[in-house]
Amino acid sequence: MSGRERLKLYARIAGRALEQYYGRLLFALLIALILAGSYARVAEVYELQSYDWRFRLKPPPAISQDLVLVDIWDDSLESIGKWPFDRRYHAVLIEILRRYGAKVVGFDIVFPEPSPSDDLMAMAASQRGGVVLCEALDEPQSENGRVTARKVLTPLVEPFQKAAEAIAHVNAVADIDGTRRRVAPLIDCVGKTYVHMGVLLAAMYLDVAPEDIRRGPDGSVHIGDRRRIPVDWEGNVFVNYAGRWGEAFRHVSYLQILTSFRQVENGETPDVDLRELEGKVCLVGLTSAGSHDVGSIPIQALYPQVGVHASVFNNVVDGNFIQRAGNNVNLVILIVLLLLAILWAEFPRIRFGFLGAFLTWAGFVGLAVGLMAWRLRWIDLFYPALAYLVVYLTSLLHRSMMEKKKRKLMETELMIASKIQRSFLPASLPKTDLLEIAAFMEPAKHVGGDLYSALKIDD
């Protein structure tokens, strides 16, 4: 055999092998692409939407009664004047809260520009103690599980740097669809570690000093020995929102506190009983309609940023955090689902296989919803459920094509056998003047088990 003939023979053998196994190769390639897509999170936008859907279905968390939101609402802007207020009003507010025993006071308000009343507010903050001010950081980024920022976007004026007991950051993480689901408990910026406002207020409420807030070896954040905050692979924690704005936490108007204090001083009945602020954490923030400080969260399209800090505070105090499963866990779940999809598609009785496939799919959806509702665990739902259906339907299609191919092959073989059988039959029958001989044979299938012949013995 020449070299060219040998090459042709090898090519023919390879072609037949490829023809026999190309379906399996394509199916294996599909499985590999699905697994790679899971690891790369190609459907992250839809996964986040499925998270929001499950978030709305779960029971709301317990709400701390020791947090009071001091809202700078429209009534305050109408009575005091346009924003920003003269800082002497903040000084008066701090003094009122100090007099009535508020434990911690946090301001979700940046003070980057100096004003004539800075010394007055700084004096009130330093005398009162327990005042937390904030700075916004410039475009925080995740690096190796830590969140870092290049610079401080709104640095506090110098008097407040010294007067505040602690300085927090007020950045929230907007996911790829613009919704705020996470915050960074800690952000490293220009050699300093900033603690999120909600985390810092909770730590001070739990009598943990700001310097005792630290990262653990696994990247989690420890509030002294009182709380551990789990973070995702980017160093962020998911916010378990307490409810829609106005439906959770106690709200008191900024103006009401000032007015009630004046009413008490004048011997009148106050609009708000300021004695109820004793031992409370008061969080002051701008919440007026049309405020710039609003954004979308899983349960509401427009939600004030101060509410994000309040929910983080509530999560830390309550100790319940939403945790997302990592890539490896989701990959294992996906592999199990795909194996079950193939198993049900190959089930001998298609009707029972379809029922089993549907129950498996529904059970997985129920598991994902239940884990979020009762264990605050988030596993991927959209991508695995879609991949399960794709693999199941593809397996069914492959099974149908293979059975059709087998039937066609069997029919071809039967036709060949039928031709062979007919070749055993006489092509013609003998003829005589005395007898007329005819024969007819029709097998039930392509091939029968009988033969016939007619032989002329003599004249």
Foldseek 3Di string as FASTA:
>chain_A
DDPVVVVVVVVVVVVVVCVVCVLVVVLVVLVVVLLVCLLVVVVVVVLVLVVLVLLVVFDFDDADQQEEEAEQAPVVCVPQHHPPGDCVLVLVVLQLLLVLAFQAEEEPDFAQDDDPCLVSSLVSLQVSARYEYEWEFDDWFFDQQATEGAATPRDHDDSNVVSHLYYAYLDFDQPPVGAGFKRAQWYHYPNDIHGHLLVQLLLVLVVQRPVQWDADPVLWIDSNPQATADADSRRIFTFRQRDAPPPGYHYDYSVQSVQQVVCVVVVHHGPDDSNVSRSHYYYYDYDYPPDPQWAHHSHGGTGGSSSSSSRSNRCGNVRATAEEDHSVVLSVVLVVLLVLLLVLLPPPDVVVSVVSLVVVLVVVSVVQSCCCRPVSYHHRNPSSSVSSVVSNVSSNVVVVVVVVVVVVVVVVVLLVVLVVQVVVADPDADDDPVDDDDDDDDAPDSDDDDYDGHDDPDD
